[in-house]
Every structure is written in C-alpha cells, then in structure tokens.
Amino acid sequence: ADLIAIGKIALANPVIAAIVATQSVDVPGVGLLTNNNELLGTDGVNGIKTGTLAEAGACLLFSAVIGVDGLSPITVIVRSPGSTGRFAS
C-alpha cells in the first residue's frame, strides 16, 4: 500500500512523471543511461521504478495508461525471484 501511495505522489508531479517515463537519456560526461524497466513503452506502461533488495527480491512499481478513459492503475510486484520474473509477472 505504501509503494502504491508513493507511485501516486510521483505521477502527480509532472517533472517526476516525465523522468520515470524516459526510456534513455544521454548525460554529458557520463554517456547513455537506459531505464531498466523492460515494460516501459509497451502496453501503455509509463514507468515508475524497478529495484532489487535481498529482503524483497526483484521488485517493480509501475503504472500504465489503459482503456478509453485513460485510467492509470498502479501495480506493485515484490519478491520476484529475478528480473525476468518481475517483468513476466
């Protein structure tokens, strides 16, 4: 529930929403940085956060614009055994 609340707060801020929806960015002096969310840009997925913790396994917090009304449900996947599993879930 807390992660969904954080996702809602993030998406309510237009700057943060644009950042988490960015697939890649070329940072001067650093190079190309790519978003690790393999679902980004597919089936309406517009970002939020991926991550892995020893206690929580591979995690994914994402939203997607769906339907004719442009609904954006926020979904959380935790304790997935690996990156492939979290995206498959």
Foldseek 3Di string as FASTA:
>chain_A
DVLQVVVVVQCVDVVSLQVQLDQWDQDPPPGIDGAPQPCRPPQQKRGDDWDADPVWGTKGWTWGQDDPVRDTHIDIDTNQNHPVRRNVD
